[in-house]
């Protein structure tokens, strides 16, 4: 079976990729599993630019097709923050995140103290980019609407999942089962679209 590099060092994200791409025709591996140091500088100004940087770098380093994503939480009351800086919001950088995921959740909740329900709208956005060793690119995206809770709830997921209430649900993303989240999440939407490209590549169509 051909191998596909998942361009991430985030274990929670990797597990989602493995579930969502099960049966896509590729064996999923990470740069770390291949013994490759992977730490690209995400200097893009959009999710797609950052995902492209990561996918191209992983493909270059490994000589294999590579799939990367960039995603973030956009909160209306905060003018779209944290957005593309979600993973390093309120301090830290690409080499030292500085704060834990729960600490970042707490910072967001502090910024929204006193903000009423009708102004707590938010969404998760995701862009995935597939890069081949010769530089061909394919992309897909997803968007997941909801609002910000007043306190963290739930034990599943990662990142901002405990404070993101799914639209028309009343549950946070961290209160959903894995299968429930996979069906409707921003990453689930994007990877469902990308599966079709991967299936064609696995069947021998280099263009996807």
Protein backbone atom coordinates (compact mmCIF):
# COMPACT_ATOMS: atom_id res chain seq x y z
CA UNK A 1 0.00 0.00 0.00
CA UNK A 2 1.27 3.48 -0.83
CA UNK A 3 2.12 5.78 2.03
CA UNK A 4 0.70 9.25 2.71
CA UNK A 5 2.50 11.61 5.07
CA UNK A 6 0.26 13.47 7.50
CA UNK A 7 2.11 16.74 8.08
CA UNK A 8 1.53 17.21 11.79
CA UNK A 9 3.11 16.62 15.18
CA UNK A 10 -0.29 17.00 16.91
CA UNK A 11 -1.37 13.57 18.20
CA UNK A 12 -5.03 14.54 18.59
CA UNK A 13 -5.18 15.78 15.03
CA UNK A 14 -3.40 12.65 13.76
CA UNK A 15 -6.00 10.40 15.39
CA UNK A 16 -8.77 12.34 13.65
CA UNK A 17 -7.01 11.95 10.29
CA UNK A 18 -6.66 8.21 10.86
CA UNK A 19 -10.37 7.83 11.57
CA UNK A 20 -11.58 10.12 8.81
CA UNK A 21 -9.30 8.70 6.12
CA UNK A 22 -9.72 5.03 7.02
CA UNK A 23 -9.99 3.06 3.80
CA UNK A 24 -8.68 5.87 1.58
CA UNK A 25 -6.15 3.54 -0.08
CA UNK A 26 -3.05 4.88 1.69
CA UNK A 27 -1.09 3.93 4.77
CA UNK A 28 -0.89 7.07 6.92
CA UNK A 29 2.49 7.94 8.41
CA UNK A 30 3.95 11.00 10.11
CA UNK A 31 7.31 12.66 9.52
CA UNK A 32 8.32 11.54 13.02
CA UNK A 33 7.54 7.92 12.21
CA UNK A 34 9.79 8.25 9.16
CA UNK A 35 12.59 9.71 11.26
CA UNK A 36 12.23 13.13 9.62
CA UNK A 37 12.47 16.37 11.61
CA UNK A 38 9.43 18.43 10.64
CA UNK A 39 9.03 21.99 11.90
CA UNK A 40 8.03 24.34 9.05
CA UNK A 41 7.51 28.02 9.72
CA UNK A 42 3.81 28.79 9.30
CA UNK A 43 4.20 32.31 7.98
CA UNK A 44 1.11 32.39 5.76
CA UNK A 45 -1.70 34.88 6.15
CA UNK A 46 -4.50 32.33 5.65
CA UNK A 47 -5.38 28.75 6.53
CA UNK A 48 -4.74 27.64 2.95
CA UNK A 49 -1.32 29.28 2.80
CA UNK A 50 -0.21 27.65 6.06
CA UNK A 51 -1.56 24.24 5.05
CA UNK A 52 0.23 24.54 1.71
CA UNK A 53 3.53 25.41 3.41
CA UNK A 54 3.28 22.32 5.60
CA UNK A 55 2.18 19.95 2.84
CA UNK A 56 4.90 21.03 0.42
CA UNK A 57 7.60 20.81 3.08
CA UNK A 58 6.53 17.33 4.17
CA UNK A 59 6.43 16.13 0.56
CA UNK A 60 9.89 17.62 -0.09
CA UNK A 61 11.43 16.05 2.99
CA UNK A 62 9.97 12.57 2.51
CA UNK A 63 9.51 12.19 -1.24
CA UNK A 64 5.94 11.05 -0.55
CA UNK A 65 2.55 12.69 -1.09
CA UNK A 66 1.71 14.75 1.98
CA UNK A 67 -1.51 16.01 3.49
CA UNK A 68 -1.63 18.99 5.84
CA UNK A 69 -4.34 21.05 7.42
CA UNK A 70 -4.59 24.43 9.03
CA UNK A 71 -7.57 25.24 11.16
CA UNK A 72 -8.74 27.71 13.72
CA UNK A 73 -11.53 29.08 15.86
CA UNK A 74 -13.06 32.38 14.75
CA UNK A 75 -15.10 34.27 17.35
CA UNK A 76 -17.35 37.07 16.15
CA UNK A 77 -17.11 39.18 19.30
CA UNK A 78 -13.29 39.06 19.08
CA UNK A 79 -13.20 40.18 15.46
CA UNK A 80 -12.41 36.69 14.20
CA UNK A 81 -9.69 35.93 16.74
CA UNK A 82 -7.89 33.67 17.42
CA UNK A 83 -8.20 32.52 13.79
CA UNK A 84 -4.97 31.34 12.17
CA UNK A 85 -3.19 31.96 15.49
CA UNK A 86 -5.45 29.55 17.42
CA UNK A 87 -2.69 27.08 18.30
CA UNK A 88 -0.46 29.82 19.73
CA UNK A 89 -3.01 32.36 20.92
CA UNK A 90 -2.08 34.65 23.82
CA UNK A 91 1.59 33.72 23.82
CA UNK A 92 4.01 31.12 22.59
CA UNK A 93 5.31 30.33 19.14
CA UNK A 94 5.75 27.39 16.79
CA UNK A 95 8.61 25.91 18.83
CA UNK A 96 7.25 26.61 22.32
CA UNK A 97 3.47 26.85 22.60
CA UNK A 98 3.86 28.36 26.06
CA UNK A 99 0.30 27.71 27.24
CA UNK A 100 -1.72 24.52 27.56
CA UNK A 101 -4.86 24.01 25.50
CA UNK A 102 -7.04 24.52 28.57
CA UNK A 103 -5.20 27.71 29.47
CA UNK A 104 -6.02 29.08 26.01
CA UNK A 105 -9.65 28.13 26.50
CA UNK A 106 -9.67 29.99 29.82
CA UNK A 107 -8.17 33.09 28.20
CA UNK A 108 -10.91 33.12 25.55
CA UNK A 109 -13.60 32.73 28.21
CA UNK A 110 -12.11 35.60 30.20
CA UNK A 111 -12.23 37.81 27.10
CA UNK A 112 -15.92 36.99 26.72
CA UNK A 113 -17.03 37.52 30.32
CA UNK A 114 -20.37 39.36 30.30
CA UNK A 115 -20.95 38.86 26.57
CA UNK A 116 -24.56 37.64 26.05
CA UNK A 117 -25.51 34.50 24.15
CA UNK A 118 -26.53 36.33 21.00
CA UNK A 119 -23.03 37.77 20.63
CA UNK A 120 -21.06 34.57 21.30
CA UNK A 121 -21.22 33.27 17.73
CA UNK A 122 -18.18 31.38 16.48
CA UNK A 123 -17.02 28.85 13.94
CA UNK A 124 -14.23 26.40 13.37
CA UNK A 125 -12.66 26.58 9.91
CA UNK A 126 -10.32 24.10 8.27
CA UNK A 127 -8.42 23.88 4.98
CA UNK A 128 -6.61 20.69 3.97
CA UNK A 129 -3.98 20.65 1.24
CA UNK A 130 -2.54 17.61 -0.51
CA UNK A 131 0.89 18.03 -2.11
CA UNK A 132 2.67 15.52 -4.34
CA UNK A 133 6.48 15.28 -4.51
CA UNK A 134 6.39 16.96 -7.92
CA UNK A 135 4.45 19.92 -6.51
CA UNK A 136 0.86 19.22 -7.55
CA UNK A 137 -1.65 20.67 -5.08
CA UNK A 138 -5.25 19.86 -4.16
CA UNK A 139 -7.27 21.60 -1.44
CA UNK A 140 -10.60 21.25 0.35
CA UNK A 141 -12.24 23.14 3.19
CA UNK A 142 -14.87 22.90 5.88
CA UNK A 143 -16.70 25.24 8.28
CA UNK A 144 -18.50 24.35 11.52
CA UNK A 145 -20.86 26.89 13.10
CA UNK A 146 -21.55 27.27 16.80
CA UNK A 147 -21.07 29.56 19.78
CA UNK A 148 -18.76 29.89 22.76
CA UNK A 149 -19.81 28.36 26.08
CA UNK A 150 -19.47 30.10 29.44
CA UNK A 151 -17.32 27.32 30.87
CA UNK A 152 -15.48 24.25 29.54
CA UNK A 153 -17.51 21.05 29.24
CA UNK A 154 -16.69 17.56 28.03
CA UNK A 155 -13.79 15.14 28.08
CA UNK A 156 -13.24 14.40 24.37
CA UNK A 157 -11.43 16.18 21.58
CA UNK A 158 -8.62 18.68 21.94
CA UNK A 159 -7.88 22.38 21.52
CA UNK A 160 -10.95 24.59 21.93
CA UNK A 161 -13.44 21.70 21.77
CA UNK A 162 -14.53 22.08 25.44
CA UNK A 163 -15.76 25.66 24.90
CA UNK A 164 -17.32 25.32 21.42
CA UNK A 165 -21.07 24.64 21.52
CA UNK A 166 -22.22 23.03 18.30
CA UNK A 167 -25.05 24.87 16.51
CA UNK A 168 -28.53 23.40 17.16
CA UNK A 169 -27.05 20.96 19.66
CA UNK A 170 -26.44 22.46 23.10
CA UNK A 171 -23.42 20.17 23.44
CA UNK A 172 -19.82 21.24 23.22
CA UNK A 173 -17.58 19.56 20.69
CA UNK A 174 -15.83 17.84 23.61
CA UNK A 175 -19.17 16.29 24.68
CA UNK A 176 -19.76 14.63 21.32
CA UNK A 177 -18.66 11.09 20.62
CA UNK A 178 -15.86 10.69 18.11
CA UNK A 179 -18.24 9.42 15.46
CA UNK A 180 -20.66 12.31 16.04
CA UNK A 181 -17.88 14.85 15.73
CA UNK A 182 -16.34 13.21 12.67
CA UNK A 183 -19.63 13.44 10.78
CA UNK A 184 -20.08 17.19 11.19
CA UNK A 185 -16.80 18.86 12.17
CA UNK A 186 -14.87 21.31 10.01
CA UNK A 187 -12.05 18.80 9.59
CA UNK A 188 -14.49 16.02 8.87
CA UNK A 189 -16.09 18.07 6.10
CA UNK A 190 -12.75 18.93 4.52
CA UNK A 191 -11.35 15.41 4.68
CA UNK A 192 -14.55 13.88 3.31
CA UNK A 193 -14.00 15.99 0.19
CA UNK A 194 -10.31 15.08 0.06
CA UNK A 195 -11.01 11.34 0.30
CA UNK A 196 -12.20 11.34 -3.30
CA UNK A 197 -8.90 12.82 -4.50
CA UNK A 198 -6.94 10.27 -2.47
CA UNK A 199 -8.97 7.35 -3.81
CA UNK A 200 -8.18 8.39 -7.38
CA UNK A 201 -4.50 8.73 -6.56
CA UNK A 202 -4.46 5.32 -4.88
CA UNK A 203 -6.02 3.86 -8.03
CA UNK A 204 -3.16 5.24 -10.11
CA UNK A 205 -4.42 8.64 -11.25
CA UNK A 206 -1.53 10.98 -10.34
CA UNK A 207 -3.65 14.10 -10.79
CA UNK A 208 -6.31 12.92 -8.37
